[in-house]
Amino acid sequence: MHQPETIVLRPDGIHIAWDDGHEGFHPHRTLRGACPCATCVHEMTGQRMVGADDVPEGVEALDHMSVGRYALQFLWSDAHQTGIYPYELLRRLCKCEACETARV
């Protein structure tokens, strides 16, 4: 499993430099809308309850912390903070140009 080396919160989004050289990018609102917590995704059905369209347009990550050696947790400007984003999920959701091109 790849590990992030640096996480930088910028006005345009979250930039993650990974140990394999990948330079990941996540727009704030997109990543907040993909939160995997039980408030945002129904625990029993797996149905998404909160998506990017439900998140305020100006939302941004204000801070982050590591969760063990497998995930990151963000404090969002809309006061949401319960989502734990496993590294595997962050790689899958990456919006950098290389990842977006590979998905086409």
PDB file of N, CA and C in Angstrom:
ATOM      1  N   MET A   1       0.850  -1.174   0.000  1.00  0.00           N
ATOM      2  CA  MET A   1       0.000   0.000   0.000  1.00  0.00           C
ATOM      3  C   MET A   1       0.901   1.244   0.000  1.00  0.00           C
ATOM      4  N   HIS A   2       0.577   2.168  -0.871  1.00  0.00           N
ATOM      5  CA  HIS A   2       1.350   3.403  -0.950  1.00  0.00           C
ATOM      6  C   HIS A   2       0.988   4.325   0.213  1.00  0.00           C
ATOM      7  N   GLN A   3       1.975   5.093   0.646  1.00  0.00           N
ATOM      8  CA  GLN A   3       1.821   6.012   1.763  1.00  0.00           C
ATOM      9  C   GLN A   3       2.021   7.447   1.277  1.00  0.00           C
ATOM     10  N   PRO A   4       1.260   8.390   1.811  1.00  0.00           N
ATOM     11  CA  PRO A   4       1.517   9.788   1.461  1.00  0.00           C
ATOM     12  C   PRO A   4       2.797  10.274   2.142  1.00  0.00           C
ATOM     13  N   GLU A   5       3.576  11.054   1.404  1.00  0.00           N
ATOM     14  CA  GLU A   5       4.783  11.643   1.981  1.00  0.00           C
ATOM     15  C   GLU A   5       4.501  13.058   2.464  1.00  0.00           C
ATOM     16  N   THR A   6       3.734  13.820   1.671  1.00  0.00           N
ATOM     17  CA  THR A   6       3.345  15.160   2.087  1.00  0.00           C
ATOM     18  C   THR A   6       1.893  15.409   1.688  1.00  0.00           C
ATOM     19  N   ILE A   7       1.190  16.146   2.537  1.00  0.00           N
ATOM     20  CA  ILE A   7      -0.191  16.554   2.283  1.00  0.00           C
ATOM     21  C   ILE A   7      -0.216  18.065   2.429  1.00  0.00           C
ATOM     22  N   VAL A   8      -0.624  18.753   1.368  1.00  0.00           N
ATOM     23  CA  VAL A   8      -0.655  20.208   1.392  1.00  0.00           C
ATOM     24  C   VAL A   8      -2.068  20.674   1.063  1.00  0.00           C
ATOM     25  N   LEU A   9      -2.633  21.479   1.947  1.00  0.00           N
ATOM     26  CA  LEU A   9      -3.957  22.050   1.743  1.00  0.00           C
ATOM     27  C   LEU A   9      -3.782  23.416   1.093  1.00  0.00           C
ATOM     28  N   ARG A  10      -4.285  23.560  -0.128  1.00  0.00           N
ATOM     29  CA  ARG A  10      -4.180  24.815  -0.871  1.00  0.00           C
ATOM     30  C   ARG A  10      -5.585  25.296  -1.210  1.00  0.00           C
ATOM     31  N   PRO A  11      -5.717  26.545  -1.642  1.00  0.00           N
ATOM     32  CA  PRO A  11      -7.051  27.042  -2.008  1.00  0.00           C
ATOM     33  C   PRO A  11      -7.741  26.224  -3.101  1.00  0.00           C
ATOM     34  N   ASP A  12      -6.975  25.632  -4.024  1.00  0.00           N
ATOM     35  CA  ASP A  12      -7.590  24.866  -5.111  1.00  0.00           C
ATOM     36  C   ASP A  12      -7.919  23.430  -4.722  1.00  0.00           C
ATOM     37  N   GLY A  13      -7.365  22.933  -3.619  1.00  0.00           N
ATOM     38  CA  GLY A  13      -7.647  21.565  -3.205  1.00  0.00           C
ATOM     39  C   GLY A  13      -6.536  20.976  -2.360  1.00  0.00           C
ATOM     40  N   ILE A  14      -6.582  19.661  -2.225  1.00  0.00           N
ATOM     41  CA  ILE A  14      -5.639  18.921  -1.405  1.00  0.00           C
ATOM     42  C   ILE A  14      -4.638  18.245  -2.332  1.00  0.00           C
ATOM     43  N   HIS A  15      -3.372  18.524  -2.109  1.00  0.00           N
ATOM     44  CA  HIS A  15      -2.300  17.963  -2.924  1.00  0.00           C
ATOM     45  C   HIS A  15      -1.558  16.937  -2.071  1.00  0.00           C
ATOM     46  N   ILE A  16      -1.443  15.717  -2.589  1.00  0.00           N
ATOM     47  CA  ILE A  16      -0.785  14.644  -1.853  1.00  0.00           C
ATOM     48  C   ILE A  16       0.352  14.090  -2.695  1.00  0.00           C
ATOM     49  N   ALA A  17       1.566  14.142  -2.159  1.00  0.00           N
ATOM     50  CA  ALA A  17       2.718  13.516  -2.794  1.00  0.00           C
ATOM     51  C   ALA A  17       2.871  12.129  -2.162  1.00  0.00           C
ATOM     52  N   TRP A  18       2.816  11.099  -3.000  1.00  0.00           N
ATOM     53  CA  TRP A  18       2.867   9.721  -2.539  1.00  0.00           C
ATOM     54  C   TRP A  18       4.282   9.158  -2.641  1.00  0.00           C
ATOM     55  N   ASP A  19       4.537   8.095  -1.884  1.00  0.00           N
ATOM     56  CA  ASP A  19       5.876   7.500  -1.830  1.00  0.00           C
ATOM     57  C   ASP A  19       6.311   6.843  -3.137  1.00  0.00           C
ATOM     58  N   ASP A  20       5.399   6.668  -4.088  1.00  0.00           N
ATOM     59  CA  ASP A  20       5.775   6.109  -5.395  1.00  0.00           C
ATOM     60  C   ASP A  20       5.967   7.201  -6.445  1.00  0.00           C
ATOM     61  N   GLY A  21       5.964   8.467  -6.008  1.00  0.00           N
ATOM     62  CA  GLY A  21       6.177   9.576  -6.914  1.00  0.00           C
ATOM     63  C   GLY A  21       4.905  10.190  -7.475  1.00  0.00           C
ATOM     64  N   HIS A  22       3.761   9.573  -7.222  1.00  0.00           N
ATOM     65  CA  HIS A  22       2.497  10.108  -7.721  1.00  0.00           C
ATOM     66  C   HIS A  22       2.181  11.426  -7.017  1.00  0.00           C
ATOM     67  N   GLU A  23       1.742  12.408  -7.801  1.00  0.00           N
ATOM     68  CA  GLU A  23       1.341  13.713  -7.263  1.00  0.00           C
ATOM     69  C   GLU A  23      -0.182  13.805  -7.353  1.00  0.00           C
ATOM     70  N   GLY A  24      -0.855  13.447  -6.286  1.00  0.00           N
ATOM     71  CA  GLY A  24      -2.316  13.405  -6.275  1.00  0.00           C
ATOM     72  C   GLY A  24      -2.940  14.764  -6.030  1.00  0.00           C
ATOM     73  N   PHE A  25      -4.181  14.902  -6.501  1.00  0.00           N
ATOM     74  CA  PHE A  25      -4.928  16.143  -6.330  1.00  0.00           C
ATOM     75  C   PHE A  25      -6.394  15.834  -6.083  1.00  0.00           C
ATOM     76  N   HIS A  26      -6.984  16.546  -5.126  1.00  0.00           N
ATOM     77  CA  HIS A  26      -8.401  16.397  -4.799  1.00  0.00           C
ATOM     78  C   HIS A  26      -9.016  17.776  -4.594  1.00  0.00           C
ATOM     79  N   PRO A  27      -9.944  18.198  -5.458  1.00  0.00           N
ATOM     80  CA  PRO A  27     -10.672  19.440  -5.170  1.00  0.00           C
ATOM     81  C   PRO A  27     -11.408  19.267  -3.831  1.00  0.00           C
ATOM     82  N   HIS A  28     -11.434  20.299  -3.031  1.00  0.00           N
ATOM     83  CA  HIS A  28     -12.043  20.215  -1.701  1.00  0.00           C
ATOM     84  C   HIS A  28     -13.468  19.664  -1.753  1.00  0.00           C
ATOM     85  N   ARG A  29     -14.325  20.286  -2.531  1.00  0.00           N
ATOM     86  CA  ARG A  29     -15.742  19.921  -2.541  1.00  0.00           C
ATOM     87  C   ARG A  29     -15.952  18.479  -3.029  1.00  0.00           C
ATOM     88  N   THR A  30     -15.182  18.073  -4.016  1.00  0.00           N
ATOM     89  CA  THR A  30     -15.297  16.714  -4.537  1.00  0.00           C
ATOM     90  C   THR A  30     -14.941  15.686  -3.471  1.00  0.00           C
ATOM     91  N   LEU A  31     -13.834  15.920  -2.760  1.00  0.00           N
ATOM     92  CA  LEU A  31     -13.427  14.965  -1.734  1.00  0.00           C
ATOM     93  C   LEU A  31     -14.389  14.992  -0.548  1.00  0.00           C
ATOM     94  N   ARG A  32     -14.838  16.169  -0.147  1.00  0.00           N
ATOM     95  CA  ARG A  32     -15.824  16.245   0.950  1.00  0.00           C
ATOM     96  C   ARG A  32     -17.093  15.493   0.563  1.00  0.00           C
ATOM     97  N   GLY A  33     -17.518  15.623  -0.695  1.00  0.00           N
ATOM     98  CA  GLY A  33     -18.716  14.938  -1.177  1.00  0.00           C
ATOM     99  C   GLY A  33     -18.559  13.434  -1.281  1.00  0.00           C
ATOM    100  N   ALA A  34     -17.331  12.949  -1.232  1.00  0.00           N
ATOM    101  CA  ALA A  34     -17.067  11.505  -1.287  1.00  0.00           C
ATOM    102  C   ALA A  34     -16.796  10.922   0.091  1.00  0.00           C
ATOM    103  N   CYS A  35     -17.101  11.681   1.138  1.00  0.00           N
ATOM    104  CA  CYS A  35     -16.843  11.225   2.502  1.00  0.00           C
ATOM    105  C   CYS A  35     -17.502   9.859   2.741  1.00  0.00           C
ATOM    106  N   PRO A  36     -16.744   8.907   3.289  1.00  0.00           N
ATOM    107  CA  PRO A  36     -17.289   7.567   3.506  1.00  0.00           C
ATOM    108  C   PRO A  36     -17.895   7.329   4.893  1.00  0.00           C
ATOM    109  N   CYS A  37     -18.095   8.371   5.691  1.00  0.00           N
ATOM    110  CA  CYS A  37     -18.583   8.172   7.056  1.00  0.00           C
ATOM    111  C   CYS A  37     -20.057   7.742   7.075  1.00  0.00           C
ATOM    112  N   ALA A  38     -20.525   7.311   8.229  1.00  0.00           N
ATOM    113  CA  ALA A  38     -21.899   6.813   8.378  1.00  0.00           C
ATOM    114  C   ALA A  38     -22.947   7.914   8.236  1.00  0.00           C
ATOM    115  N   THR A  39     -22.565   9.162   8.396  1.00  0.00           N
ATOM    116  CA  THR A  39     -23.500  10.265   8.171  1.00  0.00           C
ATOM    117  C   THR A  39     -23.704  10.487   6.673  1.00  0.00           C
ATOM    118  N   CYS A  40     -22.658  10.266   5.906  1.00  0.00           N
ATOM    119  CA  CYS A  40     -22.698  10.529   4.462  1.00  0.00           C
ATOM    120  C   CYS A  40     -23.094   9.307   3.638  1.00  0.00           C
ATOM    121  N   VAL A  41     -22.873   8.119   4.176  1.00  0.00           N
ATOM    122  CA  VAL A  41     -23.233   6.870   3.501  1.00  0.00           C
ATOM    123  C   VAL A  41     -24.007   6.017   4.500  1.00  0.00           C
ATOM    124  N   HIS A  42     -25.226   5.621   4.127  1.00  0.00           N
ATOM    125  CA  HIS A  42     -26.063   4.820   5.025  1.00  0.00           C
ATOM    126  C   HIS A  42     -25.337   3.524   5.380  1.00  0.00           C
ATOM    127  N   GLU A  43     -25.213   3.272   6.676  1.00  0.00           N
ATOM    128  CA  GLU A  43     -24.462   2.111   7.154  1.00  0.00           C
ATOM    129  C   GLU A  43     -25.013   0.777   6.670  1.00  0.00           C
ATOM    130  N   MET A  44     -26.307   0.661   6.590  1.00  0.00           N
ATOM    131  CA  MET A  44     -26.918  -0.626   6.254  1.00  0.00           C
ATOM    132  C   MET A  44     -27.067  -0.845   4.744  1.00  0.00           C
ATOM    133  N   THR A  45     -27.436   0.199   4.030  1.00  0.00           N
ATOM    134  CA  THR A  45     -27.703   0.033   2.602  1.00  0.00           C
ATOM    135  C   THR A  45     -26.530   0.426   1.715  1.00  0.00           C
ATOM    136  N   GLY A  46     -25.599   1.225   2.246  1.00  0.00           N
ATOM    137  CA  GLY A  46     -24.492   1.715   1.443  1.00  0.00           C
ATOM    138  C   GLY A  46     -24.887   2.873   0.535  1.00  0.00           C
ATOM    139  N   GLN A  47     -26.143   3.338   0.655  1.00  0.00           N
ATOM    140  CA  GLN A  47     -26.626   4.444  -0.172  1.00  0.00           C
ATOM    141  C   GLN A  47     -25.976   5.745   0.281  1.00  0.00           C
ATOM    142  N   ARG A  48     -25.470   6.507  -0.692  1.00  0.00           N
ATOM    143  CA  ARG A  48     -24.866   7.803  -0.385  1.00  0.00           C
ATOM    144  C   ARG A  48     -25.958   8.767   0.039  1.00  0.00           C
ATOM    145  N   MET A  49     -25.782   9.390   1.202  1.00  0.00           N
ATOM    146  CA  MET A  49     -26.747  10.335   1.750  1.00  0.00           C
ATOM    147  C   MET A  49     -26.318  11.784   1.468  1.00  0.00           C
ATOM    148  N   VAL A  50     -25.012  12.008   1.378  1.00  0.00           N
ATOM    149  CA  VAL A  50     -24.447  13.330   1.109  1.00  0.00           C
ATOM    150  C   VAL A  50     -23.434  13.174  -0.019  1.00  0.00           C
ATOM    151  N   GLY A  51     -23.624  13.953  -1.073  1.00  0.00           N
ATOM    152  CA  GLY A  51     -22.696  13.944  -2.195  1.00  0.00           C
ATOM    153  C   GLY A  51     -22.155  15.337  -2.436  1.00  0.00           C
ATOM    154  N   ALA A  52     -21.336  15.491  -3.449  1.00  0.00           N
ATOM    155  CA  ALA A  52     -20.704  16.786  -3.743  1.00  0.00           C
ATOM    156  C   ALA A  52     -21.739  17.888  -3.946  1.00  0.00           C
ATOM    157  N   ASP A  53     -22.873  17.573  -4.563  1.00  0.00           N
ATOM    158  CA  ASP A  53     -23.905  18.592  -4.789  1.00  0.00           C
ATOM    159  C   ASP A  53     -24.561  19.068  -3.492  1.00  0.00           C
ATOM    160  N   ASP A  54     -24.433  18.288  -2.425  1.00  0.00           N
ATOM    161  CA  ASP A  54     -25.014  18.640  -1.136  1.00  0.00           C
ATOM    162  C   ASP A  54     -24.057  19.453  -0.263  1.00  0.00           C
ATOM    163  N   VAL A  55     -22.836  19.578  -0.701  1.00  0.00           N
ATOM    164  CA  VAL A  55     -21.790  20.252   0.065  1.00  0.00           C
ATOM    165  C   VAL A  55     -21.706  21.711  -0.386  1.00  0.00           C
ATOM    166  N   PRO A  56     -21.573  22.656   0.547  1.00  0.00           N
ATOM    167  CA  PRO A  56     -21.456  24.068   0.161  1.00  0.00           C
ATOM    168  C   PRO A  56     -20.300  24.274  -0.823  1.00  0.00           C
ATOM    169  N   GLU A  57     -20.496  25.167  -1.787  1.00  0.00           N
ATOM    170  CA  GLU A  57     -19.495  25.384  -2.832  1.00  0.00           C
ATOM    171  C   GLU A  57     -18.140  25.821  -2.302  1.00  0.00           C
ATOM    172  N   GLY A  58     -18.105  26.599  -1.262  1.00  0.00           N
ATOM    173  CA  GLY A  58     -16.832  27.106  -0.753  1.00  0.00           C
ATOM    174  C   GLY A  58     -16.152  26.227   0.279  1.00  0.00           C
ATOM    175  N   VAL A  59     -16.643  25.009   0.479  1.00  0.00           N
ATOM    176  CA  VAL A  59     -16.071  24.146   1.512  1.00  0.00           C
ATOM    177  C   VAL A  59     -14.604  23.860   1.209  1.00  0.00           C
ATOM    178  N   GLU A  60     -13.820  23.772   2.279  1.00  0.00           N
ATOM    179  CA  GLU A  60     -12.425  23.397   2.099  1.00  0.00           C
ATOM    180  C   GLU A  60     -11.915  22.684   3.345  1.00  0.00           C
ATOM    181  N   ALA A  61     -10.894  21.892   3.145  1.00  0.00           N
ATOM    182  CA  ALA A  61     -10.255  21.216   4.266  1.00  0.00           C
ATOM    183  C   ALA A  61      -9.415  22.241   5.012  1.00  0.00           C
ATOM    184  N   LEU A  62      -9.626  22.326   6.320  1.00  0.00           N
ATOM    185  CA  LEU A  62      -8.888  23.272   7.149  1.00  0.00           C
ATOM    186  C   LEU A  62      -7.680  22.626   7.806  1.00  0.00           C
ATOM    187  N   ASP A  63      -7.775  21.323   8.015  1.00  0.00           N
ATOM    188  CA  ASP A  63      -6.690  20.594   8.673  1.00  0.00           C
ATOM    189  C   ASP A  63      -6.841  19.112   8.341  1.00  0.00           C
ATOM    190  N   HIS A  64      -5.825  18.355   8.646  1.00  0.00           N
ATOM    191  CA  HIS A  64      -5.870  16.906   8.427  1.00  0.00           C
ATOM    192  C   HIS A  64      -5.027  16.209   9.490  1.00  0.00           C
ATOM    193  N   MET A  65      -5.284  14.924   9.664  1.00  0.00           N
ATOM    194  CA  MET A  65      -4.458  14.112  10.547  1.00  0.00           C
ATOM    195  C   MET A  65      -4.429  12.690  10.028  1.00  0.00           C
ATOM    196  N   SER A  66      -3.365  12.005  10.340  1.00  0.00           N
ATOM    197  CA  SER A  66      -3.229  10.606   9.944  1.00  0.00           C
ATOM    198  C   SER A  66      -4.053   9.739  10.888  1.00  0.00           C
ATOM    199  N   VAL A  67      -4.614   8.687  10.335  1.00  0.00           N
ATOM    200  CA  VAL A  67      -5.325   7.681  11.119  1.00  0.00           C
ATOM    201  C   VAL A  67      -4.534   6.391  10.925  1.00  0.00           C
ATOM    202  N   GLY A  68      -3.797   6.025  11.948  1.00  0.00           N
ATOM    203  CA  GLY A  68      -2.923   4.862  11.830  1.00  0.00           C
ATOM    204  C   GLY A  68      -1.974   5.030  10.649  1.00  0.00           C
ATOM    205  N   ARG A  69      -1.716   3.934   9.961  1.00  0.00           N
ATOM    206  CA  ARG A  69      -0.854   3.968   8.782  1.00  0.00           C
ATOM    207  C   ARG A  69      -1.661   3.639   7.531  1.00  0.00           C
ATOM    208  N   TYR A  70      -2.989   3.961   7.587  1.00  0.00           N
ATOM    209  CA  TYR A  70      -3.825   3.552   6.464  1.00  0.00           C
ATOM    210  C   TYR A  70      -4.783   4.620   5.949  1.00  0.00           C
ATOM    211  N   ALA A  71      -4.909   5.762   6.626  1.00  0.00           N
ATOM    212  CA  ALA A  71      -5.949   6.709   6.221  1.00  0.00           C
ATOM    213  C   ALA A  71      -5.631   8.130   6.686  1.00  0.00           C
ATOM    214  N   LEU A  72      -6.404   9.063   6.132  1.00  0.00           N
ATOM    215  CA  LEU A  72      -6.375  10.458   6.554  1.00  0.00           C
ATOM    216  C   LEU A  72      -7.768  10.871   6.989  1.00  0.00           C
ATOM    217  N   GLN A  73      -7.824  11.815   7.902  1.00  0.00           N
ATOM    218  CA  GLN A  73      -9.079  12.405   8.340  1.00  0.00           C
ATOM    219  C   GLN A  73      -8.946  13.915   8.186  1.00  0.00           C
ATOM    220  N   PHE A  74      -9.991  14.564   7.676  1.00  0.00           N
ATOM    221  CA  PHE A  74      -9.957  15.992   7.424  1.00  0.00           C
ATOM    222  C   PHE A  74     -10.963  16.720   8.302  1.00  0.00           C
ATOM    223  N   LEU A  75     -10.614  17.941   8.683  1.00  0.00           N
ATOM    224  CA  LEU A  75     -11.554  18.854   9.319  1.00  0.00           C
ATOM    225  C   LEU A  75     -11.994  19.805   8.217  1.00  0.00           C
ATOM    226  N   TRP A  76     -13.280  19.750   7.881  1.00  0.00           N
ATOM    227  CA  TRP A  76     -13.820  20.557   6.786  1.00  0.00           C
ATOM    228  C   TRP A  76     -14.409  21.851   7.318  1.00  0.00           C
ATOM    229  N   SER A  77     -14.430  22.871   6.479  1.00  0.00           N
ATOM    230  CA  SER A  77     -14.942  24.180   6.881  1.00  0.00           C
ATOM    231  C   SER A  77     -16.433  24.167   7.186  1.00  0.00           C
ATOM    232  N   ASP A  78     -17.152  23.105   6.790  1.00  0.00           N
ATOM    233  CA  ASP A  78     -18.568  22.984   7.152  1.00  0.00           C
ATOM    234  C   ASP A  78     -18.737  22.235   8.481  1.00  0.00           C
ATOM    235  N   ALA A  79     -17.641  22.097   9.224  1.00  0.00           N
ATOM    236  CA  ALA A  79     -17.582  21.467  10.548  1.00  0.00           C
ATOM    237  C   ALA A  79     -17.689  19.951  10.504  1.00  0.00           C
ATOM    238  N   HIS A  80     -17.667  19.344   9.337  1.00  0.00           N
ATOM    239  CA  HIS A  80     -17.698  17.884   9.224  1.00  0.00           C
ATOM    240  C   HIS A  80     -16.290  17.354   9.468  1.00  0.00           C
ATOM    241  N   GLN A  81     -16.185  16.289  10.255  1.00  0.00           N
ATOM    242  CA  GLN A  81     -14.849  15.762  10.554  1.00  0.00           C
ATOM    243  C   GLN A  81     -14.828  14.268  10.846  1.00  0.00           C
ATOM    244  N   THR A  82     -15.916  13.571  10.601  1.00  0.00           N
ATOM    245  CA  THR A  82     -15.966  12.159  10.982  1.00  0.00           C
ATOM    246  C   THR A  82     -15.483  11.199   9.904  1.00  0.00           C
ATOM    247  N   GLY A  83     -15.275  11.677   8.702  1.00  0.00           N
ATOM    248  CA  GLY A  83     -14.868  10.790   7.620  1.00  0.00           C
ATOM    249  C   GLY A  83     -13.413  10.368   7.705  1.00  0.00           C
ATOM    250  N   ILE A  84     -13.189   9.098   7.538  1.00  0.00           N
ATOM    251  CA  ILE A  84     -11.835   8.544   7.474  1.00  0.00           C
ATOM    252  C   ILE A  84     -11.630   8.058   6.043  1.00  0.00           C
ATOM    253  N   TYR A  85     -10.624   8.622   5.376  1.00  0.00           N
ATOM    254  CA  TYR A  85     -10.359   8.342   3.971  1.00  0.00           C
ATOM    255  C   TYR A  85      -9.149   7.407   3.862  1.00  0.00           C
ATOM    256  N   PRO A  86      -9.385   6.100   3.675  1.00  0.00           N
ATOM    257  CA  PRO A  86      -8.254   5.182   3.502  1.00  0.00           C
ATOM    258  C   PRO A  86      -7.408   5.594   2.297  1.00  0.00           C
ATOM    259  N   TYR A  87      -6.111   5.323   2.382  1.00  0.00           N
ATOM    260  CA  TYR A  87      -5.212   5.690   1.292  1.00  0.00           C
ATOM    261  C   TYR A  87      -5.690   5.108  -0.035  1.00  0.00           C
ATOM    262  N   GLU A  88      -6.162   3.877  -0.010  1.00  0.00           N
ATOM    263  CA  GLU A  88      -6.654   3.237  -1.238  1.00  0.00           C
ATOM    264  C   GLU A  88      -7.790   4.057  -1.862  1.00  0.00           C
ATOM    265  N   LEU A  89      -8.695   4.563  -1.042  1.00  0.00           N
ATOM    266  CA  LEU A  89      -9.798   5.389  -1.536  1.00  0.00           C
ATOM    267  C   LEU A  89      -9.267   6.701  -2.109  1.00  0.00           C
ATOM    268  N   LEU A  90      -8.321   7.332  -1.426  1.00  0.00           N
ATOM    269  CA  LEU A  90      -7.759   8.577  -1.923  1.00  0.00           C
ATOM    270  C   LEU A  90      -7.097   8.375  -3.284  1.00  0.00           C
ATOM    271  N   ARG A  91      -6.407   7.270  -3.460  1.00  0.00           N
ATOM    272  CA  ARG A  91      -5.784   7.003  -4.766  1.00  0.00           C
ATOM    273  C   ARG A  91      -6.855   6.790  -5.833  1.00  0.00           C
ATOM    274  N   ARG A  92      -7.906   6.084  -5.496  1.00  0.00           N
ATOM    275  CA  ARG A  92      -8.981   5.803  -6.451  1.00  0.00           C
ATOM    276  C   ARG A  92      -9.743   7.076  -6.841  1.00  0.00           C
ATOM    277  N   LEU A  93      -9.874   8.011  -5.920  1.00  0.00           N
ATOM    278  CA  LEU A  93     -10.622   9.250  -6.170  1.00  0.00           C
ATOM    279  C   LEU A  93      -9.759  10.376  -6.741  1.00  0.00           C
ATOM    280  N   CYS A  94      -8.486  10.140  -6.946  1.00  0.00           N
ATOM    281  CA  CYS A  94      -7.562  11.181  -7.383  1.00  0.00           C
ATOM    282  C   CYS A  94      -8.050  11.856  -8.665  1.00  0.00           C
ATOM    283  N   LYS A  95      -7.957  13.179  -8.676  1.00  0.00           N
ATOM    284  CA  LYS A  95      -8.404  13.980  -9.817  1.00  0.00           C
ATOM    285  C   LYS A  95      -7.243  14.641 -10.558  1.00  0.00           C
ATOM    286  N   CYS A  96      -6.024  14.137 -10.366  1.00  0.00           N
ATOM    287  CA  CYS A  96      -4.901  14.700 -11.113  1.00  0.00           C
ATOM    288  C   CYS A  96      -5.090  14.382 -12.598  1.00  0.00           C
ATOM    289  N   GLU A  97      -4.384  15.101 -13.424  1.00  0.00           N
ATOM    290  CA  GLU A  97      -4.537  14.931 -14.866  1.00  0.00           C
ATOM    291  C   GLU A  97      -4.228  13.501 -15.321  1.00  0.00           C
ATOM    292  N   ALA A  98      -3.181  12.898 -14.768  1.00  0.00           N
ATOM    293  CA  ALA A  98      -2.817  11.537 -15.157  1.00  0.00           C
ATOM    294  C   ALA A  98      -3.910  10.533 -14.800  1.00  0.00           C
ATOM    295  N   CYS A  99      -4.477  10.653 -13.617  1.00  0.00           N
ATOM    296  CA  CYS A  99      -5.539   9.721 -13.207  1.00  0.00           C
ATOM    297  C   CYS A  99      -6.813   9.946 -14.008  1.00  0.00           C
ATOM    298  N   GLU A 100      -7.151  11.190 -14.255  1.00  0.00           N
ATOM    299  CA  GLU A 100      -8.349  11.494 -15.046  1.00  0.00           C
ATOM    300  C   GLU A 100      -8.203  10.955 -16.471  1.00  0.00           C
ATOM    301  N   THR A 101      -7.026  11.089 -17.057  1.00  0.00           N
ATOM    302  CA  THR A 101      -6.772  10.588 -18.407  1.00  0.00           C
ATOM    303  C   THR A 101      -6.850   9.057 -18.432  1.00  0.00           C
ATOM    304  N   ALA A 102      -6.302   8.409 -17.403  1.00  0.00           N
ATOM    305  CA  ALA A 102      -6.319   6.945 -17.335  1.00  0.00           C
ATOM    306  C   ALA A 102      -7.733   6.390 -17.206  1.00  0.00           C
ATOM    307  N   ARG A 103      -8.647   7.157 -16.643  1.00  0.00           N
ATOM    308  CA  ARG A 103     -10.028   6.686 -16.471  1.00  0.00           C
ATOM    309  C   ARG A 103     -10.850   6.785 -17.748  1.00  0.00           C
ATOM    310  N   VAL A 104     -10.373   7.540 -18.726  1.00  0.00           N
ATOM    311  CA  VAL A 104     -11.144   7.733 -19.961  1.00  0.00           C
ATOM    312  C   VAL A 104     -11.026   6.551 -20.862  1.00  0.00           C
TER     313      VAL A 104
END
